[in-house]
């Protein structure tokens, strides 16, 4: 295992832990099937500065994409090992 592979694995571990933390930090937007059928949206529908939940959702999306990309790189790096 060379240095590049070790660095990729460390980055993947850090990204994985941060992704779990971000997902666990988010609150539920509705109450399952009842929220879908009842269609009682509690979110604001105005444009403005994003609140904490919107920023947290954006961070989660970005970290998720980073995790996907780093996982592909790990697969490529370990393909020939």
N, C-alpha and C. Protein backbone atom coordinates (compact mmCIF):
# COMPACT_ATOMS: atom_id res chain seq x y z
N UNK A 1 0.86 -1.17 0.00
CA UNK A 1 0.00 0.00 0.00
C UNK A 1 0.90 1.24 0.00
N UNK A 2 0.71 2.09 -0.98
CA UNK A 2 1.56 3.27 -1.07
C UNK A 2 0.92 4.46 -0.35
N UNK A 3 1.61 5.56 -0.35
CA UNK A 3 1.19 6.75 0.39
C UNK A 3 -0.12 7.32 -0.18
N UNK A 4 -0.26 7.30 -1.50
CA UNK A 4 -1.47 7.82 -2.13
C UNK A 4 -2.71 7.05 -1.68
N UNK A 5 -2.60 5.73 -1.59
CA UNK A 5 -3.73 4.92 -1.15
C UNK A 5 -4.08 5.19 0.30
N UNK A 6 -3.08 5.38 1.13
CA UNK A 6 -3.32 5.68 2.55
C UNK A 6 -4.02 7.04 2.69
N UNK A 7 -3.57 8.03 1.93
CA UNK A 7 -4.18 9.36 1.98
C UNK A 7 -5.64 9.29 1.54
N UNK A 8 -5.92 8.53 0.48
CA UNK A 8 -7.30 8.38 0.02
C UNK A 8 -8.17 7.72 1.08
N UNK A 9 -7.65 6.69 1.75
CA UNK A 9 -8.42 6.01 2.79
C UNK A 9 -8.68 6.92 3.98
N UNK A 10 -7.71 7.74 4.34
CA UNK A 10 -7.90 8.68 5.46
C UNK A 10 -8.96 9.71 5.10
N UNK A 11 -8.89 10.25 3.88
CA UNK A 11 -9.90 11.21 3.43
C UNK A 11 -11.29 10.57 3.39
N UNK A 12 -11.37 9.34 2.94
CA UNK A 12 -12.67 8.67 2.89
C UNK A 12 -13.22 8.45 4.29
N UNK A 13 -12.38 8.11 5.23
CA UNK A 13 -12.84 7.93 6.61
C UNK A 13 -13.33 9.25 7.21
N UNK A 14 -12.59 10.33 6.98
CA UNK A 14 -13.00 11.63 7.50
C UNK A 14 -14.32 12.10 6.87
N UNK A 15 -14.43 11.91 5.57
CA UNK A 15 -15.66 12.31 4.89
C UNK A 15 -16.83 11.46 5.36
N UNK A 16 -16.60 10.17 5.59
CA UNK A 16 -17.67 9.29 6.05
C UNK A 16 -18.18 9.70 7.42
N UNK A 17 -17.26 10.00 8.32
CA UNK A 17 -17.66 10.42 9.67
C UNK A 17 -18.42 11.74 9.62
N UNK A 18 -17.93 12.68 8.81
CA UNK A 18 -18.62 13.96 8.72
C UNK A 18 -19.99 13.82 8.06
N UNK A 19 -20.13 12.91 7.09
CA UNK A 19 -21.42 12.69 6.45
C UNK A 19 -22.42 12.09 7.44
N UNK A 20 -21.98 11.15 8.24
CA UNK A 20 -22.86 10.58 9.27
C UNK A 20 -23.28 11.66 10.26
N UNK A 21 -22.34 12.48 10.68
CA UNK A 21 -22.66 13.56 11.62
C UNK A 21 -23.67 14.54 11.03
N UNK A 22 -23.49 14.92 9.76
CA UNK A 22 -24.41 15.87 9.13
C UNK A 22 -25.80 15.29 8.96
N UNK A 23 -25.88 14.03 8.59
CA UNK A 23 -27.20 13.40 8.41
C UNK A 23 -27.90 13.27 9.76
N UNK A 24 -27.16 12.93 10.80
CA UNK A 24 -27.77 12.79 12.12
C UNK A 24 -28.18 14.15 12.70
N UNK A 25 -27.58 15.22 12.24
CA UNK A 25 -27.91 16.55 12.75
C UNK A 25 -29.18 17.13 12.15
N UNK A 26 -29.63 16.59 11.03
CA UNK A 26 -30.80 17.14 10.37
C UNK A 26 -32.08 16.71 11.08
N UNK A 27 -33.07 17.57 10.99
CA UNK A 27 -34.37 17.27 11.57
C UNK A 27 -35.30 16.75 10.48
N UNK A 28 -36.32 16.05 10.90
CA UNK A 28 -37.30 15.49 9.96
C UNK A 28 -38.21 16.60 9.45
N UNK A 29 -38.50 16.59 8.17
CA UNK A 29 -39.33 17.62 7.58
C UNK A 29 -40.82 17.31 7.69
N UNK A 30 -41.18 16.04 7.77
CA UNK A 30 -42.59 15.67 7.89
C UNK A 30 -42.70 14.42 8.74
N UNK A 31 -43.92 13.99 8.95
CA UNK A 31 -44.16 12.84 9.81
C UNK A 31 -44.48 11.60 9.00
N UNK A 32 -43.60 11.24 8.07
CA UNK A 32 -43.77 10.03 7.29
C UNK A 32 -44.93 10.11 6.32
N UNK A 33 -45.72 9.06 6.28
CA UNK A 33 -46.83 8.98 5.34
C UNK A 33 -47.92 9.98 5.67
N UNK A 34 -48.11 10.28 6.93
CA UNK A 34 -49.12 11.26 7.32
C UNK A 34 -48.79 12.64 6.75
N UNK A 35 -47.53 13.02 6.78
CA UNK A 35 -47.13 14.30 6.22
C UNK A 35 -47.28 14.35 4.71
N UNK A 36 -47.12 13.21 4.05
CA UNK A 36 -47.27 13.16 2.60
C UNK A 36 -48.73 13.27 2.20
N UNK A 37 -49.59 12.54 2.88
CA UNK A 37 -51.01 12.55 2.53
C UNK A 37 -51.66 13.87 2.95
N UNK A 38 -51.35 14.33 4.15
CA UNK A 38 -51.95 15.55 4.65
C UNK A 38 -51.48 16.80 3.95
N UNK A 39 -50.28 16.74 3.38
CA UNK A 39 -49.69 17.87 2.65
C UNK A 39 -49.64 19.13 3.51
N UNK A 40 -49.28 18.97 4.76
CA UNK A 40 -49.15 20.13 5.63
C UNK A 40 -47.69 20.54 5.69
N UNK A 41 -47.30 21.40 4.76
CA UNK A 41 -45.92 21.84 4.71
C UNK A 41 -45.70 22.94 5.75
N UNK A 42 -44.64 22.78 6.52
CA UNK A 42 -44.34 23.78 7.54
C UNK A 42 -43.18 24.66 7.13
N UNK A 43 -42.57 24.37 5.98
CA UNK A 43 -41.43 25.16 5.54
C UNK A 43 -41.85 26.48 4.93
N UNK A 44 -40.97 27.45 4.98
CA UNK A 44 -41.26 28.76 4.40
C UNK A 44 -40.99 28.69 2.90
N UNK A 45 -41.81 29.33 2.13
CA UNK A 45 -41.68 29.31 0.67
C UNK A 45 -41.22 30.65 0.12
N UNK A 46 -40.48 31.39 0.87
CA UNK A 46 -40.00 32.68 0.40
C UNK A 46 -38.50 32.60 0.11
N UNK A 47 -38.06 33.48 -0.75
CA UNK A 47 -36.64 33.54 -1.09
C UNK A 47 -35.96 34.54 -0.16
N UNK A 48 -34.80 34.20 0.28
CA UNK A 48 -34.05 35.07 1.17
C UNK A 48 -32.78 34.35 1.59
N UNK A 49 -32.20 34.80 2.67
CA UNK A 49 -31.01 34.14 3.19
C UNK A 49 -31.39 32.75 3.67
N UNK A 50 -30.59 31.75 3.30
CA UNK A 50 -30.91 30.40 3.77
C UNK A 50 -30.68 30.29 5.28
N UNK A 51 -31.57 29.56 5.91
CA UNK A 51 -31.46 29.33 7.33
C UNK A 51 -30.51 28.19 7.63
N UNK A 52 -30.45 27.81 8.90
CA UNK A 52 -29.54 26.76 9.33
C UNK A 52 -29.84 25.43 8.65
N UNK A 53 -31.12 25.07 8.55
CA UNK A 53 -31.50 23.78 7.96
C UNK A 53 -31.14 23.73 6.47
N UNK A 54 -31.34 24.82 5.77
CA UNK A 54 -31.01 24.85 4.34
C UNK A 54 -29.50 24.75 4.13
N UNK A 55 -28.74 25.45 4.96
CA UNK A 55 -27.27 25.35 4.85
C UNK A 55 -26.79 23.95 5.20
N UNK A 56 -27.39 23.35 6.22
CA UNK A 56 -27.02 22.00 6.62
C UNK A 56 -27.34 21.01 5.49
N UNK A 57 -28.45 21.21 4.82
CA UNK A 57 -28.81 20.36 3.69
C UNK A 57 -27.80 20.52 2.54
N UNK A 58 -27.38 21.75 2.29
CA UNK A 58 -26.38 21.99 1.25
C UNK A 58 -25.04 21.37 1.58
N UNK A 59 -24.62 21.48 2.84
CA UNK A 59 -23.37 20.85 3.27
C UNK A 59 -23.45 19.34 3.13
N UNK A 60 -24.59 18.77 3.48
CA UNK A 60 -24.76 17.33 3.37
C UNK A 60 -24.68 16.89 1.92
N UNK A 61 -25.29 17.65 1.03
CA UNK A 61 -25.22 17.33 -0.40
C UNK A 61 -23.78 17.38 -0.90
N UNK A 62 -23.04 18.41 -0.52
CA UNK A 62 -21.66 18.55 -0.97
C UNK A 62 -20.77 17.44 -0.42
N UNK A 63 -20.93 17.11 0.85
CA UNK A 63 -20.13 16.04 1.46
C UNK A 63 -20.51 14.70 0.84
N UNK A 64 -21.78 14.50 0.51
CA UNK A 64 -22.21 13.27 -0.14
C UNK A 64 -21.57 13.11 -1.51
N UNK A 65 -21.52 14.18 -2.26
CA UNK A 65 -20.86 14.14 -3.57
C UNK A 65 -19.37 13.87 -3.41
N UNK A 66 -18.74 14.51 -2.42
CA UNK A 66 -17.31 14.29 -2.17
C UNK A 66 -17.06 12.84 -1.79
N UNK A 67 -17.95 12.25 -0.97
CA UNK A 67 -17.80 10.85 -0.57
C UNK A 67 -17.90 9.93 -1.79
N UNK A 68 -18.84 10.23 -2.68
CA UNK A 68 -19.00 9.42 -3.88
C UNK A 68 -17.75 9.49 -4.76
N UNK A 69 -17.22 10.68 -4.95
CA UNK A 69 -16.03 10.85 -5.78
C UNK A 69 -14.82 10.17 -5.16
N UNK A 70 -14.64 10.33 -3.85
CA UNK A 70 -13.48 9.72 -3.19
C UNK A 70 -13.60 8.19 -3.20
N UNK A 71 -14.83 7.68 -3.14
CA UNK A 71 -15.02 6.23 -3.21
C UNK A 71 -14.63 5.68 -4.57
N UNK A 72 -14.96 6.43 -5.62
CA UNK A 72 -14.54 6.01 -6.97
C UNK A 72 -13.02 6.03 -7.07
N UNK A 73 -12.39 7.07 -6.52
CA UNK A 73 -10.93 7.15 -6.56
C UNK A 73 -10.28 6.01 -5.77
N UNK A 74 -10.87 5.65 -4.63
CA UNK A 74 -10.34 4.53 -3.84
C UNK A 74 -10.45 3.24 -4.65
N UNK A 75 -11.59 3.05 -5.31
CA UNK A 75 -11.75 1.86 -6.15
C UNK A 75 -10.74 1.79 -7.26
N UNK A 76 -10.47 2.92 -7.89
CA UNK A 76 -9.48 2.95 -8.96
C UNK A 76 -8.08 2.72 -8.41
N UNK A 77 -7.77 3.30 -7.26
CA UNK A 77 -6.43 3.17 -6.68
C UNK A 77 -6.15 1.74 -6.24
N UNK A 78 -7.17 1.02 -5.77
CA UNK A 78 -6.96 -0.33 -5.27
C UNK A 78 -7.28 -1.40 -6.32
N UNK A 79 -7.63 -0.99 -7.52
CA UNK A 79 -7.97 -1.94 -8.57
C UNK A 79 -6.79 -2.83 -8.94
N UNK A 80 -5.63 -2.26 -9.01
CA UNK A 80 -4.45 -3.01 -9.44
C UNK A 80 -3.65 -3.58 -8.28
N UNK A 81 -4.09 -3.38 -7.07
CA UNK A 81 -3.33 -3.87 -5.91
C UNK A 81 -3.60 -5.32 -5.64
